[in-house]
Amino acid sequence: MNTGAIKSPEDKRDIQLGKIEVPIKLPEEYLPDYSGFSVYYQNGQGACGGHAGAKAKEILDFYDVGIIQEYSPRFVYACCKFLDGIPYGEGTYLRAIGDALRKYGACNMALYPNEVSLPWEEYKSFNSISEEAFENAQERIIQSYAFTGTGWEDIKQGIYKHKLVLLLIDPFFEGYKSGHFIVATGWDKNNRIRYINSFGKDWQENGWSWLEKDSFQKIIEGMTLVDIPDSTVKKLTSNIKLLREIVALYVKVVNIFKSL
C-alpha cells in the first residue's frame, strides 16, 4: 500500500507557530477523551490526507458545539486533489489539507459518503461533489493554519493550544512505501504522543496508537488548524446567501426593464 503523503513544497509565506506564540508550561499528561469518535478506514485508498483533515475538523467542532459529527474524508480529499497540483498521484501534502479546509470546509458524511471501494479516479473526483455538499461544507471552513516544528515539545505545544496537530510521519507500518498523515491529540506521563489513524477500529488500540520519542517513528512535518466558531461561520454564510439573493433579484429587475 502506498499512502502518498508528501512534504509540503517550501513557501516562505507559511505561518510558523513557534514564531507567533510563546511556549507555555504544559501538564505532565494531556489526554482528552475522544472514545466516542468514529475511526475511519481508508481501505487502500491513498487518501489519508482527507481522512486526517476530516477527523481534525470533527474534533475542533466538538469543542465548539459539544456534539460529535461525522464529516466526509472523501470530500476533503477531493478538495485537496483539486488544489495540490498533483492530479495524477494519490498523495497530497499538509498545506493542501489546510487550504482545502480553509476554502471549502468539510461536509456532513451523509451528503458525500466515504465510498473507499471506488476506483481512485472516481473517489477523488472534485466535479462529482454536489452543490448541496459544497454549501453544507461552507458552514465548516477554518480561518487559517500554521506549521509546527517537528520537535516533541513543538508538537505538544500545538496540541495543547489548538486541540490537535496534523502530522506527516515516515512510514513504519508494514507495506507502506511513502509518508502517512495522522492526527495527534495528546500525550501521556511516559511522554508518548497519542494519535488517531485511518486504518479502522481493528488496528492497534481501537484505531488509536502512540508515537514514541526518539524512536524509529520519524516526524517530517506538523500543522495546527486555526478554527472559526460554528456560529460565526453560519452567520457569514447566511449573509453571503442573502447577498446572492439580492444580486439575483437586482439582475432580474434590470432584465425586466430592458425587455420593456
Protein backbone atom coordinates (compact mmCIF):
# COMPACT_ATOMS: atom_id res chain seq x y z
CA MET A 1 0.00 0.00 0.00
CA ASN A 2 1.22 3.49 -0.87
CA THR A 3 -0.25 6.26 1.25
CA GLY A 4 1.28 9.04 -0.81
CA ALA A 5 1.59 11.69 1.90
CA ILE A 6 4.10 14.27 0.69
CA LYS A 7 6.06 17.04 2.42
CA SER A 8 4.68 20.48 1.59
CA PRO A 9 6.66 22.42 -1.02
CA GLU A 10 8.62 25.26 0.56
CA ASP A 11 6.71 28.54 0.81
CA LYS A 12 8.10 31.50 2.78
CA ARG A 13 4.57 32.77 3.37
CA ASP A 14 3.80 29.81 5.67
CA ILE A 15 2.98 30.77 9.25
CA GLN A 16 5.30 29.11 11.76
CA LEU A 17 3.56 28.57 15.08
CA GLY A 18 6.72 28.91 17.15
CA LYS A 19 7.31 32.42 15.80
CA ILE A 20 3.89 33.79 16.72
CA GLU A 21 3.14 32.04 20.03
CA VAL A 22 5.06 31.99 23.31
CA PRO A 23 5.59 28.49 24.79
CA ILE A 24 3.57 27.79 27.92
CA LYS A 25 4.03 25.30 30.75
CA LEU A 26 2.44 22.01 29.83
CA PRO A 27 0.84 19.41 32.12
CA GLU A 28 2.62 16.11 32.59
CA GLU A 29 -0.25 14.38 30.82
CA TYR A 30 -2.92 15.63 28.43
CA LEU A 31 -5.36 13.00 27.18
CA PRO A 32 -8.82 14.31 26.23
CA ASP A 33 -11.46 11.61 25.89
CA TYR A 34 -12.27 11.03 22.22
CA SER A 35 -13.53 7.49 22.69
CA GLY A 36 -16.90 8.38 21.17
CA PHE A 37 -15.42 9.39 17.83
CA SER A 38 -15.60 7.04 14.86
CA VAL A 39 -12.38 5.68 13.38
CA TYR A 40 -12.28 5.79 9.59
CA TYR A 41 -10.89 3.13 7.29
CA GLN A 42 -9.22 4.29 4.08
CA ASN A 43 -9.20 0.75 2.67
CA GLY A 44 -6.13 1.08 0.45
CA GLN A 45 -7.05 4.49 -0.95
CA GLY A 46 -4.11 6.90 -0.82
CA ALA A 47 -6.42 9.35 0.90
CA CYS A 48 -5.02 9.62 4.42
CA GLY A 49 -4.91 13.42 3.97
CA GLY A 50 -8.67 13.58 3.53
CA HIS A 51 -9.24 11.27 6.48
CA ALA A 52 -6.91 13.22 8.74
CA GLY A 53 -8.39 16.56 7.67
CA ALA A 54 -11.99 15.44 8.23
CA LYS A 55 -11.17 13.97 11.64
CA ALA A 56 -9.30 17.11 12.71
CA LYS A 57 -12.30 19.30 11.84
CA GLU A 58 -14.63 16.93 13.68
CA ILE A 59 -12.55 17.29 16.83
CA LEU A 60 -12.43 21.09 16.58
CA ASP A 61 -16.19 21.30 16.05
CA PHE A 62 -16.77 19.01 19.03
CA TYR A 63 -15.19 21.68 21.22
CA ASP A 64 -17.34 24.33 19.54
CA VAL A 65 -20.81 22.77 19.55
CA GLY A 66 -20.39 19.94 22.07
CA ILE A 67 -21.56 17.11 19.81
CA ILE A 68 -19.75 14.56 17.65
CA GLN A 69 -20.37 14.97 13.92
CA GLU A 70 -19.05 12.87 11.04
CA TYR A 71 -17.55 14.67 8.04
CA SER A 72 -16.66 13.20 4.69
CA PRO A 73 -12.97 12.29 4.22
CA ARG A 74 -13.72 11.84 0.52
CA PHE A 75 -14.94 15.45 0.26
CA VAL A 76 -11.82 16.81 1.96
CA TYR A 77 -9.54 14.60 -0.14
CA ALA A 78 -11.21 15.60 -3.42
CA CYS A 79 -10.71 19.26 -2.47
CA CYS A 80 -7.06 18.56 -1.64
CA LYS A 81 -6.50 16.93 -5.03
CA PHE A 82 -8.22 19.83 -6.78
CA LEU A 83 -5.80 22.25 -5.10
CA ASP A 84 -2.47 20.44 -4.73
CA GLY A 85 -1.28 20.50 -8.36
CA ILE A 86 -0.52 16.77 -8.50
CA PRO A 87 -3.70 15.32 -10.09
CA TYR A 88 -2.09 12.07 -11.27
CA GLY A 89 -0.66 10.99 -7.93
CA GLU A 90 -2.56 9.71 -4.92
CA GLY A 91 -0.57 11.75 -2.42
CA THR A 92 -1.20 15.25 -1.16
CA TYR A 93 0.51 17.47 1.41
CA LEU A 94 -0.30 19.28 4.65
CA ARG A 95 -0.67 22.72 3.10
CA ALA A 96 -3.25 21.30 0.67
CA ILE A 97 -5.24 19.91 3.61
CA GLY A 98 -5.16 23.32 5.29
CA ASP A 99 -6.15 25.09 2.07
CA ALA A 100 -8.97 22.62 1.40
CA LEU A 101 -10.47 23.21 4.86
CA ARG A 102 -9.95 26.97 4.58
CA LYS A 103 -11.51 27.35 1.12
CA TYR A 104 -14.10 24.58 1.01
CA GLY A 105 -14.57 23.28 4.57
CA ALA A 106 -15.93 19.82 5.38
CA CYS A 107 -19.40 18.48 4.57
CA ASN A 108 -21.56 16.05 6.50
CA MET A 109 -20.81 12.42 5.73
CA ALA A 110 -24.41 11.76 4.62
CA LEU A 111 -24.09 14.30 1.79
CA TYR A 112 -20.93 12.74 0.33
CA PRO A 113 -20.37 9.21 1.70
CA ASN A 114 -16.83 7.93 2.08
CA GLU A 115 -17.04 5.22 -0.58
CA VAL A 116 -13.47 3.92 -0.33
CA SER A 117 -14.22 0.93 -2.57
CA LEU A 118 -14.48 3.23 -5.60
CA PRO A 119 -11.66 3.44 -8.16
CA TRP A 120 -9.24 6.19 -7.18
CA GLU A 121 -10.10 8.48 -10.13
CA GLU A 122 -13.75 8.39 -9.13
CA TYR A 123 -13.07 8.62 -5.40
CA LYS A 124 -11.05 11.84 -5.75
CA SER A 125 -13.36 13.47 -8.29
CA PHE A 126 -13.96 17.12 -7.38
CA ASN A 127 -16.59 17.50 -10.12
CA SER A 128 -18.81 14.79 -8.63
CA ILE A 129 -19.43 16.82 -5.44
CA SER A 130 -22.98 18.18 -5.32
CA GLU A 131 -23.84 21.84 -4.79
CA GLU A 132 -25.64 20.83 -1.60
CA ALA A 133 -22.44 19.27 -0.23
CA PHE A 134 -20.42 22.39 -1.09
CA GLU A 135 -22.96 24.64 0.61
CA ASN A 136 -23.02 22.43 3.69
CA ALA A 137 -19.22 22.38 3.85
CA GLN A 138 -19.02 26.18 3.70
CA GLU A 139 -20.50 26.24 7.19
CA ARG A 140 -17.38 24.41 8.36
CA ILE A 141 -14.45 26.32 6.94
CA ILE A 142 -11.41 27.12 9.08
CA GLN A 143 -9.80 30.52 9.43
CA SER A 144 -6.20 29.51 8.80
CA TYR A 145 -3.44 27.04 9.65
CA ALA A 146 0.11 27.18 10.98
CA PHE A 147 3.07 24.83 10.81
CA THR A 148 4.62 23.48 13.98
CA GLY A 149 8.17 22.31 14.35
CA THR A 150 8.84 18.59 14.35
CA GLY A 151 10.31 18.52 17.85
CA TRP A 152 8.41 16.79 20.63
CA GLU A 153 7.77 19.97 22.62
CA ASP A 154 6.70 21.89 19.50
CA ILE A 155 4.05 19.27 18.78
CA LYS A 156 2.83 19.16 22.38
CA GLN A 157 2.52 22.95 22.47
CA GLY A 158 0.47 22.83 19.28
CA ILE A 159 -1.81 20.10 20.65
CA TYR A 160 -2.40 21.86 23.95
CA LYS A 161 -3.13 25.27 22.44
CA HIS A 162 -5.05 24.14 19.33
CA LYS A 163 -6.52 20.76 20.38
CA LEU A 164 -4.58 18.73 17.80
CA VAL A 165 -1.67 18.61 15.36
CA LEU A 166 -1.83 17.03 11.92
CA LEU A 167 1.39 15.08 11.42
CA LEU A 168 3.19 13.76 8.37
CA ILE A 169 5.25 10.79 9.51
CA ASP A 170 7.68 8.43 7.83
CA PRO A 171 6.21 5.01 7.07
CA PHE A 172 6.59 2.47 9.81
CA PHE A 173 3.60 0.29 9.02
CA GLU A 174 4.04 -2.94 7.11
CA GLY A 175 3.63 -2.48 3.36
CA TYR A 176 3.87 1.32 3.29
CA LYS A 177 6.22 2.96 0.80
CA SER A 178 5.69 6.66 1.49
CA GLY A 179 4.58 9.07 4.21
CA HIS A 180 1.33 8.99 6.12
CA PHE A 181 -0.94 11.55 7.83
CA ILE A 182 -2.25 11.10 11.36
CA VAL A 183 -3.94 13.36 13.93
CA ALA A 184 -2.08 13.80 17.25
CA THR A 185 -4.37 14.69 20.14
CA GLY A 186 -2.45 14.34 23.43
CA TRP A 187 0.34 12.69 25.41
CA ASP A 188 0.75 10.51 28.48
CA LYS A 189 3.04 10.55 31.53
CA ASN A 190 5.54 8.44 29.61
CA ASN A 191 5.84 11.28 27.06
CA ARG A 192 4.23 9.26 24.29
CA ILE A 193 2.08 11.19 21.81
CA ARG A 194 -1.41 9.83 21.27
CA TYR A 195 -2.87 9.80 17.75
CA ILE A 196 -5.83 8.55 15.75
CA ASN A 197 -5.24 6.75 12.48
CA SER A 198 -7.42 5.88 9.47
CA PHE A 199 -6.94 2.11 9.44
CA GLY A 200 -10.24 1.21 11.10
CA LYS A 201 -11.11 0.16 14.65
CA ASP A 202 -9.41 -3.23 14.34
CA TRP A 203 -5.97 -1.57 14.13
CA GLN A 204 -3.90 -1.21 17.32
CA GLU A 205 -5.99 0.19 20.23
CA ASN A 206 -9.39 0.59 18.57
CA GLY A 207 -7.82 2.65 15.79
CA TRP A 208 -5.55 4.70 18.07
CA SER A 209 -1.84 4.36 18.82
CA TRP A 210 1.24 6.12 20.22
CA LEU A 211 4.35 7.81 18.90
CA GLU A 212 7.46 7.13 20.95
CA LYS A 213 10.02 9.89 21.38
CA ASP A 214 13.49 9.21 19.89
CA SER A 215 12.30 6.04 18.17
CA PHE A 216 12.28 4.93 14.53
CA GLN A 217 8.99 6.82 14.05
CA LYS A 218 10.24 9.89 12.21
CA ILE A 219 8.09 13.03 12.12
CA ILE A 220 8.50 15.00 8.89
CA GLU A 221 6.04 17.86 9.29
CA GLY A 222 3.31 19.15 11.61
CA MET A 223 0.45 21.62 11.29
CA THR A 224 -2.26 23.10 13.52
CA LEU A 225 -5.60 24.50 12.41
CA VAL A 226 -6.98 27.88 13.44
CA ASP A 227 -10.72 27.31 13.57
CA ILE A 228 -13.71 29.67 13.32
CA PRO A 229 -16.61 29.17 15.77
CA ASP A 230 -19.51 27.38 14.07
CA SER A 231 -21.98 30.17 14.93
CA THR A 232 -19.73 32.78 13.29
CA VAL A 233 -19.38 30.76 10.08
CA LYS A 234 -23.13 30.23 9.84
CA LYS A 235 -23.68 33.97 10.21
CA LEU A 236 -21.13 34.69 7.48
CA THR A 237 -22.56 32.13 5.08
CA SER A 238 -26.14 33.29 5.69
CA ASN A 239 -25.07 36.85 4.90
CA ILE A 240 -23.38 35.68 1.69
CA LYS A 241 -26.52 33.76 0.71
CA LEU A 242 -28.66 36.86 1.32
CA LEU A 243 -26.28 38.96 -0.78
CA ARG A 244 -26.51 36.46 -3.64
CA GLU A 245 -30.31 36.58 -3.49
CA ILE A 246 -30.28 40.40 -3.58
CA VAL A 247 -27.93 40.42 -6.57
CA ALA A 248 -30.07 37.84 -8.36
CA LEU A 249 -33.20 39.91 -7.72
CA TYR A 250 -31.44 43.05 -8.97
CA VAL A 251 -30.40 41.30 -12.21
CA LYS A 252 -33.94 40.01 -12.67
CA VAL A 253 -35.41 43.53 -12.26
CA VAL A 254 -32.85 45.02 -14.67
CA ASN A 255 -33.69 42.38 -17.28
CA ILE A 256 -37.41 43.12 -16.90
CA PHE A 257 -36.85 46.84 -17.54
CA LYS A 258 -34.63 46.06 -20.53
CA SER A 259 -37.39 43.98 -22.05
CA LEU A 260 -39.99 46.77 -21.81
